[in-house]
Protein backbone atom coordinates (compact mmCIF):
# COMPACT_ATOMS: atom_id res chain seq x y z
CA MET A 1 -3.69 -16.35 0.27
CA VAL A 2 -7.25 -15.64 1.44
CA GLU A 3 -9.69 -14.56 -1.27
CA LEU A 4 -12.80 -12.44 -0.60
CA ALA A 5 -14.26 -12.46 -4.10
CA GLY A 6 -17.60 -14.18 -4.56
CA THR A 7 -18.52 -14.27 -0.88
CA ASP A 8 -22.17 -13.50 -0.08
CA PHE A 9 -22.31 -11.77 3.29
CA ASN A 10 -26.13 -11.69 3.44
CA ASN A 11 -26.56 -15.14 4.99
CA LYS A 12 -25.38 -16.79 8.17
CA ASP A 13 -22.90 -19.15 6.50
CA SER A 14 -21.27 -16.25 4.66
CA ALA A 15 -20.99 -14.31 7.90
CA VAL A 16 -19.06 -17.25 9.34
CA ASP A 17 -16.90 -17.29 6.21
CA MET A 18 -16.21 -13.59 6.66
CA ALA A 19 -15.12 -14.16 10.24
CA ASP A 20 -12.83 -16.99 9.10
CA VAL A 21 -11.31 -14.76 6.44
CA ALA A 22 -10.71 -11.95 8.95
CA LEU A 23 -9.08 -14.38 11.38
CA ALA A 24 -6.85 -15.84 8.66
CA LEU A 25 -5.76 -12.35 7.58
CA TRP A 26 -5.05 -11.31 11.16
CA GLU A 27 -2.97 -14.46 11.72
CA GLU A 28 -0.99 -13.68 8.58
CA ALA A 29 -0.47 -10.09 9.75
CA ARG A 30 0.58 -11.38 13.19
CA HIS A 31 3.09 -13.73 11.54
CA ILE A 32 4.60 -10.79 9.65
CA GLY A 33 4.74 -8.86 12.92
CA ARG A 34 6.73 -11.66 14.55
CA GLN A 35 9.16 -11.66 11.63
CA LEU A 36 9.66 -7.91 11.97
CA PHE A 37 9.79 -7.53 15.76
CA GLY A 38 10.87 -10.93 17.02
CA ASP A 39 10.24 -11.39 20.74
CA ASP A 40 8.70 -7.94 21.18
CA VAL A 41 5.13 -9.25 21.35
CA GLU A 42 3.57 -5.86 22.00
CA LYS A 43 5.03 -4.35 18.84
CA GLY A 44 4.14 -7.41 16.80
CA VAL A 45 0.51 -7.37 17.89
CA GLY A 46 0.34 -3.59 17.44
CA PHE A 47 1.63 -3.99 13.90
CA ALA A 48 -1.00 -6.64 13.09
CA ASP A 49 -3.84 -4.59 14.58
CA ARG A 50 -2.80 -1.47 12.68
CA LEU A 51 -2.43 -3.40 9.44
CA MET A 52 -5.89 -4.93 9.75
CA ALA A 53 -7.42 -1.52 10.50
CA ILE A 54 -5.87 -0.07 7.33
CA TYR A 55 -7.02 -3.13 5.38
CA GLN A 56 -10.61 -2.58 6.50
CA ASP A 57 -10.54 1.14 5.66
CA ALA A 58 -8.87 0.65 2.27
CA GLN A 59 -11.35 -1.99 1.05
CA GLY A 60 -13.29 -0.73 -1.96
CA LYS A 61 -11.01 2.30 -2.40
CA ASP A 62 -9.02 3.03 -5.55
CA PHE A 63 -6.03 4.48 -3.71
CA LEU A 64 -4.30 4.23 -0.38
CA LEU A 65 -2.32 7.39 0.36
CA ILE A 66 0.46 6.87 2.89
CA HIS A 67 1.89 10.06 4.36
CA ASN A 68 5.48 9.87 5.60
CA PRO A 69 5.87 13.08 7.64
CA GLY A 70 8.90 15.29 7.66
CA GLY A 71 11.24 15.68 10.61
CA TRP A 72 11.61 12.59 12.76
CA GLY A 73 8.46 11.17 11.21
CA ASN A 74 6.15 11.03 14.22
CA SER A 75 3.90 14.09 13.77
CA PRO A 76 0.14 13.59 13.28
CA LEU A 77 -1.11 15.47 10.25
CA GLU A 78 -2.75 18.20 12.33
CA ASN A 79 0.65 18.98 13.89
CA CYS A 80 2.55 19.12 10.59
CA MET A 81 3.61 22.33 8.84
CA HIS A 82 0.82 24.12 6.98
CA TRP A 83 2.46 23.60 3.60
CA GLU A 84 2.89 19.89 4.30
CA ARG A 85 -0.83 19.59 5.04
CA SER A 86 -1.62 21.53 1.86
CA VAL A 87 0.20 18.93 -0.25
CA ILE A 88 -1.85 16.09 1.23
CA ALA A 89 -5.07 18.04 0.66
CA GLY A 90 -4.06 18.91 -2.90
CA ILE A 91 -3.28 15.32 -3.87
CA SER A 92 -6.53 14.09 -2.32
CA ALA A 93 -8.58 16.73 -4.12
CA THR A 94 -6.89 15.98 -7.45
CA LEU A 95 -7.69 12.28 -7.19
CA GLU A 96 -11.30 13.12 -6.41
CA LYS A 97 -11.51 15.36 -9.48
CA LEU A 98 -10.18 12.46 -11.56
CA GLY A 99 -13.02 10.34 -10.19
CA TYR A 100 -11.13 8.14 -7.72
CA SER A 101 -11.77 7.22 -4.12
CA TRP A 102 -8.98 7.18 -1.56
CA PHE A 103 -8.07 6.53 2.06
CA LEU A 104 -5.29 8.37 3.88
CA SER A 105 -2.97 6.68 6.36
CA GLN A 106 0.07 8.05 8.16
CA HIS A 107 3.17 6.00 8.81
CA PHE A 108 5.11 7.00 11.91
CA ARG A 109 8.66 5.74 11.56
CA ALA A 110 9.91 6.96 14.94
CA SER A 111 8.87 7.11 18.56
CA VAL A 112 8.64 10.35 20.52
CA GLY A 113 11.55 11.61 22.63
CA TRP A 114 15.22 12.40 22.22
CA ARG A 115 16.33 8.92 23.33
CA ALA A 116 14.32 7.36 20.50
CA HIS A 117 15.78 9.88 18.06
CA LEU A 118 19.31 9.02 19.10
CA ARG A 119 18.59 5.34 18.54
CA ASP A 120 17.26 6.13 15.07
CA ILE A 121 20.21 8.20 13.81
CA ARG A 122 22.24 5.15 12.79
CA ASP A 123 19.37 3.81 10.67
CA TYR A 124 18.83 7.21 9.04
CA LEU A 125 22.47 7.31 8.01
CA ARG A 126 22.06 3.84 6.51
CA PHE A 127 19.10 5.05 4.43
CA PHE A 128 16.46 3.52 6.69
CA THR A 129 17.66 -0.05 6.14
CA VAL A 130 15.74 -1.28 9.20
CA LYS A 131 12.72 1.03 9.38
CA ARG A 132 11.74 0.69 5.73
CA ARG A 133 11.05 -3.01 6.29
CA VAL A 134 7.94 -2.23 8.34
CA LEU A 135 6.17 -0.01 5.81
CA ALA A 136 7.27 -2.24 2.93
CA ALA A 137 5.70 -5.23 4.69
CA GLU A 138 2.45 -3.28 5.18
CA VAL A 139 2.25 -2.35 1.50
CA GLU A 140 3.08 -5.89 0.35
CA PHE A 141 0.28 -7.29 2.52
CA LEU A 142 -2.30 -4.74 1.39
CA THR A 143 -1.57 -5.00 -2.34
CA LYS A 144 -1.55 -8.79 -2.05
CA HIS A 145 -5.05 -8.95 -0.57
CA LEU A 146 -6.64 -5.89 -2.20
CA LYS A 147 -6.15 -6.64 -5.88
CA ASN A 148 -7.33 -3.31 -7.32
CA LEU A 149 -5.69 -1.05 -4.77
CA LYS A 150 -2.99 1.41 -5.84
CA VAL A 151 -0.68 2.94 -3.25
CA ILE A 152 0.91 6.39 -3.28
CA LEU A 153 3.64 7.17 -0.77
CA ILE A 154 3.80 10.89 0.02
CA GLY A 155 7.14 11.80 1.58
CA ILE A 156 8.10 15.21 2.93
CA SER A 157 11.69 16.28 3.72
CA GLN A 158 13.24 13.35 5.65
CA GLY A 159 10.03 11.48 4.85
CA ALA A 160 10.91 11.88 1.15
CA GLY A 161 14.12 9.95 1.66
CA PHE A 162 12.27 7.33 3.66
CA SER A 163 9.66 6.92 0.90
CA ASN A 164 12.43 6.41 -1.63
CA ALA A 165 14.04 3.76 0.55
CA VAL A 166 10.71 1.93 0.80
CA MET A 167 10.20 2.18 -2.98
CA GLN A 168 13.56 0.54 -3.56
CA ARG A 169 12.46 -2.39 -1.43
CA LEU A 170 9.15 -2.56 -3.34
CA SER A 171 10.61 -2.18 -6.81
CA GLU A 172 8.65 -5.16 -8.18
CA LEU A 173 5.24 -3.86 -7.06
CA LYS A 174 3.94 -1.92 -10.05
CA ARG A 175 0.88 -0.55 -8.20
CA VAL A 176 3.01 1.47 -5.78
CA TYR A 177 3.99 5.08 -6.55
CA SER A 178 5.87 7.78 -4.68
CA ILE A 179 5.72 11.58 -4.49
CA GLU A 180 8.80 12.98 -2.74
CA LEU A 181 9.34 16.64 -1.84
CA GLY A 182 12.43 18.38 -0.46
CA VAL A 183 14.68 15.46 0.46
CA PHE A 184 17.59 16.21 2.82
CA PHE A 185 20.89 16.69 1.01
CA PHE A 186 22.68 13.82 2.79
CA LEU A 187 20.08 11.36 1.46
CA ARG A 188 20.30 12.51 -2.16
CA PRO A 189 23.10 10.13 -3.26
CA ARG A 190 21.08 7.10 -2.15
CA ARG A 191 17.94 7.93 -4.13
CA VAL A 192 16.70 5.82 -7.03
CA ILE A 193 14.24 7.48 -9.41
CA THR A 194 11.89 5.44 -11.60
CA GLU A 195 8.85 6.20 -13.77
CA ARG A 196 6.68 5.64 -10.69
CA THR A 197 8.53 8.25 -8.63
CA LEU A 198 7.98 12.01 -8.70
CA ILE A 199 10.85 14.04 -7.27
CA ILE A 200 10.33 17.73 -6.45
CA ASP A 201 13.43 19.52 -5.19
CA HIS A 202 12.53 23.13 -6.03
CA ASN A 203 9.35 25.03 -5.21
CA GLY A 204 9.66 27.33 -8.22
CA LEU A 205 10.43 30.37 -6.09
CA MET A 206 13.90 29.84 -4.66
CA PRO A 207 16.47 27.06 -4.12
CA ASP A 208 15.85 24.72 -1.20
CA ALA A 209 18.64 25.19 1.36
CA VAL A 210 17.97 21.71 2.77
CA PHE A 211 18.20 19.99 -0.61
CA GLU A 212 21.24 22.03 -1.66
CA GLY A 213 23.05 21.37 1.61
CA ASP A 214 23.46 25.09 2.34
CA LEU A 215 24.77 24.57 5.86
CA ILE A 216 25.47 28.25 6.48
CA THR A 217 21.86 29.19 5.78
CA MET A 218 20.57 26.30 7.87
CA VAL A 219 22.74 27.20 10.86
CA MET A 220 21.91 30.91 10.61
CA THR A 221 18.17 30.18 10.90
CA LEU A 222 18.51 28.50 14.29
CA PRO A 223 18.90 31.64 16.50
CA MET A 224 15.78 33.22 14.97
CA ALA A 225 13.92 29.95 15.32
CA PHE A 226 14.82 29.84 19.01
CA LEU A 227 13.57 33.39 19.51
CA ARG A 228 10.26 32.56 17.80
CA TRP A 229 9.93 29.47 19.98
CA VAL A 230 10.58 31.43 23.20
CA LYS A 231 8.17 34.17 22.13
CA CYS A 232 5.38 31.64 21.56
CA ARG A 233 6.08 29.97 24.91
CA LEU A 234 5.92 33.31 26.74
CA LYS A 235 2.56 34.01 25.11
CA GLY A 236 1.27 30.68 26.34
CA LYS A 237 1.21 29.22 22.83
CA PRO A 238 3.66 26.30 22.91
CA VAL A 239 4.70 25.09 19.45
CA ASN A 240 7.09 22.50 18.13
CA PHE A 241 10.55 23.98 17.70
CA SER A 242 10.69 22.62 14.14
CA HIS A 243 7.70 24.82 13.25
CA CYS A 244 9.75 27.87 14.17
CA ILE A 245 12.52 27.06 11.70
CA LYS A 246 12.07 28.99 8.46
CA LEU A 247 14.48 27.45 5.97
CA ALA A 248 14.83 29.24 2.65
CA GLY A 249 13.13 27.33 -0.14
CA HIS A 250 12.17 24.39 2.07
CA ASP A 251 8.50 25.11 1.56
CA TYR A 252 6.45 23.20 -1.02
CA HIS A 253 2.98 24.68 -0.59
CA TRP A 254 0.31 23.39 -2.95
CA LYS A 255 -0.49 27.00 -3.98
CA TYR A 256 2.89 27.25 -5.69
CA PRO A 257 2.27 26.53 -9.41
CA LYS A 258 5.41 24.43 -9.88
CA VAL A 259 4.39 22.13 -7.02
CA SER A 260 0.71 21.65 -7.87
CA GLN A 261 1.31 21.42 -11.63
CA GLN A 262 4.02 18.78 -11.33
CA ILE A 263 1.99 16.63 -8.97
CA GLY A 264 -1.21 17.09 -10.97
CA SER A 265 0.55 16.09 -14.18
CA PHE A 266 2.11 13.04 -12.51
CA LEU A 267 -1.29 11.82 -11.32
CA LYS A 268 -3.00 12.45 -14.67
CA VAL A 269 -0.27 10.79 -16.73
CA ASN A 270 -0.14 7.68 -14.54
CA PHE A 271 -3.85 7.24 -13.84
CA GLY A 272 -5.92 9.48 -16.11
CA ALA A 273 -9.56 10.34 -15.47
CA ARG A 274 -11.86 7.54 -14.41
CA ARG A 275 -14.51 6.85 -17.04
């Protein structure tokens, strides 16, 4: 393992040492990429480059927040539902109030397009047996080389189930935590809950149709969602179809007291205020 402690980067020799360290870390990340993606060189190199970028940004931070989006898991934060964005903002603000620094990263577990989604269905039904390996490998690398870094996985909807699957693979890493909101009902039986996992399945206002598996309610929302989608398209305001689906209770906005209080308490109990 490459150690950075004690290196003086103010002289020429130390600058060379820094370059050697960076190269050694990249080679280790590239080796992990080969293990994960085999002969797919492009994906392996992309994995290593992404991992090193996160490593650089997370240096000196107290927390790395990893957002696992809802849906298929490929939406940039700015394209996520408003309430989903509010949760990320609320967690970030709470950590700042406690005196901690943080860096936010998003993990996209799927490619874009219906063909990619069809390929992913089998893995979803197997509780992300394949896809969880990638994020787990990232977290293992980062916590190995950044000794003081704590990691919080933030999973929304299907992303909540994915976060739980990753946590199960990282059960021995005590600096990794998970906040999971509104998991899909078909993933519930596979969940494992520990003291480092916060599960929120109710927004305090009404039952979550997605968590409860209320198929009738879910199916009945689709015609209205389609009409909203068409209306937006006709107005020249294209939106993701998923944003037009209004599922009863599947809304965990930070402004809801039960949501913000549970998350705030979880963060304070586990980390406290920085002195």
